[in-house]
């Protein structure tokens, strides 16, 4: 029997809201959903979010009819806390959930959010005492970039003095005195007296005038260039070592990178 509908109307589908998955976080829409046995049972269709808290609350999982034996399409909700994300394989893992328990989950029709659904989901999880789990972790390299001031370029100007020597043509008047004999009387009779003629003598002299004149302009700009940088670091990862007490103990190793040793 389906649970009662939630009274809170704060939850919305991400596809119906004006929100995006936060930068650096995986967008699991379209990822395969697998049981703890690595059996694929469907895909993540959408995310159910709480805009007020800016968090994902549920995964809308579209079940694979052929994989789980359904006659028609069916969707179920998976609390985000009940799912494990395998970012390398892009899988959502439902550990402790069996196929039979999955089919007992209330059907999600795209509108109703069941009150107490998280407890309903947890009640369908099983912990097989014959099955033990251990997780294997590895460090992944995530490279970011930031802008820092490397230096600065300062452009200034100063005054320098240059000694200039330039030839200038200058004109000078010279006085020429010419004596000419007089053969006949000119005008009245000659008179003996002192006389003086003043003739101004002119010459050009160089006049130096200096004034600033704009010769050129300096345009300062900058543009980004891209260079290839190399980042080196050491990444740690956990490896699984499987030891058996004797050759009579048979171990089927499905762990990638694991080593089987005799104890």
Protein backbone atom coordinates (compact mmCIF):
# COMPACT_ATOMS: atom_id res chain seq x y z
CA UNK A 1 0.00 0.00 0.00
CA UNK A 2 1.39 3.36 -0.93
CA UNK A 3 2.37 5.81 1.78
CA UNK A 4 0.49 9.05 2.29
CA UNK A 5 1.50 12.04 0.20
CA UNK A 6 3.95 14.49 1.79
CA UNK A 7 2.42 17.72 3.01
CA UNK A 8 5.61 19.61 2.13
CA UNK A 9 5.59 21.03 -1.37
CA UNK A 10 9.25 22.06 -1.30
CA UNK A 11 10.52 19.15 -3.39
CA UNK A 12 10.67 19.58 -7.15
CA UNK A 13 12.14 17.74 -10.09
CA UNK A 14 15.42 19.21 -11.30
CA UNK A 15 14.18 19.08 -14.90
CA UNK A 16 11.24 21.32 -13.90
CA UNK A 17 13.32 23.81 -11.90
CA UNK A 18 15.66 26.56 -12.96
CA UNK A 19 18.67 24.93 -11.32
CA UNK A 20 21.82 23.15 -12.44
CA UNK A 21 24.04 20.58 -10.77
CA UNK A 22 26.74 22.36 -8.78
CA UNK A 23 30.11 22.73 -10.48
CA UNK A 24 32.44 19.89 -9.55
CA UNK A 25 29.58 17.55 -8.59
CA UNK A 26 28.60 14.61 -10.84
CA UNK A 27 25.34 14.81 -12.76
CA UNK A 28 24.07 11.24 -12.34
CA UNK A 29 21.15 11.58 -14.74
CA UNK A 30 21.49 8.81 -17.29
CA UNK A 31 23.76 6.68 -15.08
CA UNK A 32 23.06 2.97 -14.70
CA UNK A 33 21.52 1.87 -11.41
CA UNK A 34 22.87 -1.45 -10.15
CA UNK A 35 22.19 -3.69 -7.20
CA UNK A 36 25.00 -4.73 -4.89
CA UNK A 37 25.56 -7.74 -7.17
CA UNK A 38 26.44 -5.36 -10.06
CA UNK A 39 23.15 -6.28 -11.74
CA UNK A 40 21.86 -3.31 -13.74
CA UNK A 41 18.16 -2.69 -13.04
CA UNK A 42 17.52 0.73 -14.57
CA UNK A 43 18.75 4.28 -15.09
CA UNK A 44 18.54 7.57 -13.21
CA UNK A 45 15.83 9.57 -14.96
CA UNK A 46 15.80 12.73 -12.86
CA UNK A 47 16.83 14.28 -9.55
CA UNK A 48 14.37 15.35 -6.86
CA UNK A 49 15.74 18.45 -5.15
CA UNK A 50 14.92 20.67 -2.20
CA UNK A 51 15.56 24.20 -3.52
CA UNK A 52 15.42 25.76 -0.06
CA UNK A 53 18.26 23.53 1.17
CA UNK A 54 20.00 23.40 -2.24
CA UNK A 55 20.32 19.63 -1.92
CA UNK A 56 19.34 16.52 -3.87
CA UNK A 57 16.90 14.41 -1.83
CA UNK A 58 15.96 11.54 -4.16
CA UNK A 59 16.89 9.85 -7.42
CA UNK A 60 14.09 9.15 -9.86
CA UNK A 61 14.98 5.67 -11.14
CA UNK A 62 13.35 4.29 -14.28
CA UNK A 63 13.37 0.52 -13.92
CA UNK A 64 14.42 -1.67 -16.84
CA UNK A 65 11.34 -3.77 -17.58
CA UNK A 66 13.36 -6.60 -19.11
CA UNK A 67 15.93 -6.67 -16.31
CA UNK A 68 13.43 -6.81 -13.44
CA UNK A 69 10.57 -8.59 -15.24
CA UNK A 70 7.98 -5.81 -15.51
CA UNK A 71 5.15 -5.60 -18.00
CA UNK A 72 5.01 -1.81 -18.03
CA UNK A 73 7.24 1.15 -17.24
CA UNK A 74 7.75 1.91 -13.58
CA UNK A 75 9.65 4.50 -11.59
CA UNK A 76 10.79 4.36 -7.96
CA UNK A 77 12.48 6.86 -5.70
CA UNK A 78 15.87 6.18 -4.13
CA UNK A 79 16.98 8.42 -1.24
CA UNK A 80 20.32 9.98 -2.06
CA UNK A 81 21.67 8.67 1.23
CA UNK A 82 20.87 5.10 0.20
CA UNK A 83 22.88 5.25 -3.03
CA UNK A 84 26.61 4.89 -3.65
CA UNK A 85 28.15 6.66 -6.63
CA UNK A 86 30.81 4.99 -8.75
CA UNK A 87 32.09 8.03 -10.65
CA UNK A 88 34.61 6.00 -12.64
CA UNK A 89 32.05 3.60 -14.10
CA UNK A 90 29.19 6.16 -13.82
CA UNK A 91 27.05 3.74 -11.85
CA UNK A 92 24.68 4.21 -8.92
CA UNK A 93 24.99 1.24 -6.53
CA UNK A 94 22.10 0.14 -4.28
CA UNK A 95 23.95 -1.99 -1.73
CA UNK A 96 21.75 -4.32 0.31
CA UNK A 97 18.81 -4.01 -2.07
CA UNK A 98 17.53 -7.18 -3.74
CA UNK A 99 15.44 -7.34 -6.88
CA UNK A 100 12.43 -8.61 -4.93
CA UNK A 101 12.74 -5.78 -2.40
CA UNK A 102 13.10 -3.25 -5.20
CA UNK A 103 9.80 -4.33 -6.72
CA UNK A 104 8.06 -3.80 -3.37
CA UNK A 105 8.93 -0.12 -3.32
CA UNK A 106 6.01 2.28 -3.93
CA UNK A 107 5.69 3.43 -7.51
CA UNK A 108 6.63 7.04 -8.17
CA UNK A 109 4.26 8.76 -10.59
CA UNK A 110 6.20 11.99 -10.91
CA UNK A 111 4.05 14.02 -8.53
CA UNK A 112 3.60 12.45 -5.09
CA UNK A 113 6.36 12.32 -2.49
CA UNK A 114 5.57 9.81 0.24
CA UNK A 115 5.79 10.85 3.89
CA UNK A 116 8.26 8.61 5.70
CA UNK A 117 9.49 7.15 2.44
CA UNK A 118 13.10 7.06 3.66
CA UNK A 119 12.11 4.62 6.40
CA UNK A 120 10.12 2.58 3.88
CA UNK A 121 13.18 2.35 1.67
CA UNK A 122 15.47 1.36 4.54
CA UNK A 123 13.06 -1.37 5.63
CA UNK A 124 13.58 -3.08 2.29
CA UNK A 125 17.35 -3.18 2.66
CA UNK A 126 18.79 -6.51 3.71
CA UNK A 127 22.10 -7.38 5.30
CA UNK A 128 23.03 -10.91 4.29
CA UNK A 129 25.15 -12.40 7.12
CA UNK A 130 26.98 -14.48 4.52
CA UNK A 131 28.07 -11.38 2.66
CA UNK A 132 30.81 -9.09 3.93
CA UNK A 133 31.82 -5.91 2.22
CA UNK A 134 34.97 -3.85 2.19
CA UNK A 135 35.42 -0.66 0.25
CA UNK A 136 38.50 0.23 -1.78
CA UNK A 137 39.37 3.90 -2.21
CA UNK A 138 41.80 5.76 -4.40
CA UNK A 139 42.89 9.35 -4.66
CA UNK A 140 41.93 11.19 -7.81
CA UNK A 141 43.73 14.20 -9.20
CA UNK A 142 41.66 17.31 -9.59
CA UNK A 143 43.46 20.30 -11.07
CA UNK A 144 42.14 23.80 -10.70
CA UNK A 145 43.47 27.15 -11.80
CA UNK A 146 43.70 30.50 -10.08
CA UNK A 147 44.96 33.85 -11.24
CA UNK A 148 47.85 35.42 -9.37
CA UNK A 149 49.86 38.57 -10.04
CA UNK A 150 53.21 37.48 -11.44
CA UNK A 151 54.68 40.96 -11.63
CA UNK A 152 54.04 44.34 -13.12
CA UNK A 153 55.30 46.51 -15.94
CA UNK A 154 55.88 50.16 -15.13
CA UNK A 155 56.13 52.58 -18.05
CA UNK A 156 57.45 56.08 -17.32
CA UNK A 157 59.33 58.80 -19.17
CA UNK A 158 62.23 61.09 -18.31
CA UNK A 159 64.05 63.99 -19.94
CA UNK A 160 67.43 63.58 -21.58
CA UNK A 161 69.57 66.43 -22.96
CA UNK A 162 71.19 66.07 -26.37
CA UNK A 163 73.78 68.56 -27.63
CA UNK A 164 72.82 69.60 -31.14
CA UNK A 165 75.18 71.37 -33.55
CA UNK A 166 73.72 72.59 -36.82
CA UNK A 167 75.14 74.85 -39.54
CA UNK A 168 73.08 77.99 -40.30
CA UNK A 169 73.81 80.36 -43.27
CA UNK A 170 74.03 83.97 -41.99
CA UNK A 171 74.21 87.06 -44.25
CA UNK A 172 76.44 90.02 -43.41
CA UNK A 173 76.64 93.42 -45.18
CA UNK A 174 80.04 94.67 -46.14
CA UNK A 175 80.94 98.28 -46.88
CA UNK A 176 82.67 98.92 -50.16
CA UNK A 177 84.41 102.26 -50.61
CA UNK A 178 85.08 103.22 -54.19
CA UNK A 179 86.88 106.29 -55.34
CA UNK A 180 85.93 107.77 -58.70
CA UNK A 181 87.73 110.76 -60.32
CA UNK A 182 85.53 113.74 -61.17
CA UNK A 183 86.36 115.25 -64.48
CA UNK A 184 83.80 118.05 -64.45
CA UNK A 185 82.22 120.25 -61.88
CA UNK A 186 78.96 119.18 -60.49
CA UNK A 187 76.60 121.89 -59.27
CA UNK A 188 78.12 124.95 -57.55
CA UNK A 189 81.72 125.61 -56.91
CA UNK A 190 83.63 123.31 -54.64
CA UNK A 191 83.71 124.18 -51.00
CA UNK A 192 86.31 123.06 -48.53
CA UNK A 193 84.72 121.69 -45.32
CA UNK A 194 84.56 118.63 -43.15
CA UNK A 195 81.86 116.04 -44.00
CA UNK A 196 80.77 112.62 -42.80
CA UNK A 197 78.47 109.94 -44.17
CA UNK A 198 77.09 107.25 -41.86
CA UNK A 199 76.15 103.96 -43.55
CA UNK A 200 74.46 101.31 -41.31
CA UNK A 201 75.97 97.85 -41.71
CA UNK A 202 73.52 94.95 -41.10
CA UNK A 203 74.17 91.33 -40.46
CA UNK A 204 72.04 88.25 -39.58
CA UNK A 205 72.54 86.45 -36.34
CA UNK A 206 71.22 82.99 -35.34
CA UNK A 207 68.25 83.09 -32.98
CA UNK A 208 67.69 79.86 -31.01
CA UNK A 209 64.09 79.03 -30.18
CA UNK A 210 63.06 75.78 -28.54
CA UNK A 211 59.54 74.43 -28.20
CA UNK A 212 58.23 70.92 -27.34
CA UNK A 213 56.75 68.98 -30.24
CA UNK A 214 54.93 65.62 -29.96
CA UNK A 215 56.97 63.08 -31.91
CA UNK A 216 55.21 59.78 -31.07
CA UNK A 217 52.85 58.10 -28.61
CA UNK A 218 53.31 54.93 -26.63
CA UNK A 219 50.28 52.60 -26.57
CA UNK A 220 50.24 50.15 -23.66
CA UNK A 221 48.00 47.07 -23.77
CA UNK A 222 48.06 43.44 -22.69
CA UNK A 223 46.62 40.20 -23.99
CA UNK A 224 46.47 36.69 -22.50
CA UNK A 225 48.63 33.91 -23.90
CA UNK A 226 48.35 30.20 -23.15
CA UNK A 227 51.24 27.97 -22.23
CA UNK A 228 51.26 24.29 -21.32
CA UNK A 229 52.06 23.59 -17.68
CA UNK A 230 52.86 20.24 -16.08
CA UNK A 231 51.54 19.19 -12.68
CA UNK A 232 53.17 16.29 -10.87
CA UNK A 233 51.95 14.66 -7.66
CA UNK A 234 51.66 11.26 -6.00
CA UNK A 235 48.24 9.60 -5.80
CA UNK A 236 47.55 6.90 -3.26
CA UNK A 237 45.17 4.01 -3.79
CA UNK A 238 44.12 1.04 -1.78
CA UNK A 239 44.77 -2.42 -3.17
CA UNK A 240 42.98 -5.57 -2.02
CA UNK A 241 45.16 -8.46 -0.90
CA UNK A 242 43.39 -11.80 -0.61
CA UNK A 243 45.10 -14.47 1.47
CA UNK A 244 44.04 -18.08 1.72
CA UNK A 245 45.20 -20.45 4.40
CA UNK A 246 45.94 -23.33 2.00
CA UNK A 247 45.65 -24.43 -1.61
CA UNK A 248 42.46 -26.31 -0.70
CA UNK A 249 40.63 -23.01 -0.26
CA UNK A 250 39.30 -21.89 -3.61
CA UNK A 251 38.89 -18.17 -4.23
CA UNK A 252 37.19 -16.63 -7.22
CA UNK A 253 38.85 -13.24 -7.53
CA UNK A 254 36.59 -10.63 -9.11
CA UNK A 255 38.53 -7.73 -7.63
CA UNK A 256 40.43 -5.75 -10.25
CA UNK A 257 44.05 -5.35 -9.23
CA UNK A 258 43.71 -7.78 -6.30
CA UNK A 259 46.35 -10.32 -5.36
CA UNK A 260 45.67 -13.83 -4.08
CA UNK A 261 48.37 -15.20 -1.80
CA UNK A 262 48.72 -18.33 0.27
CA UNK A 263 48.68 -17.61 3.98
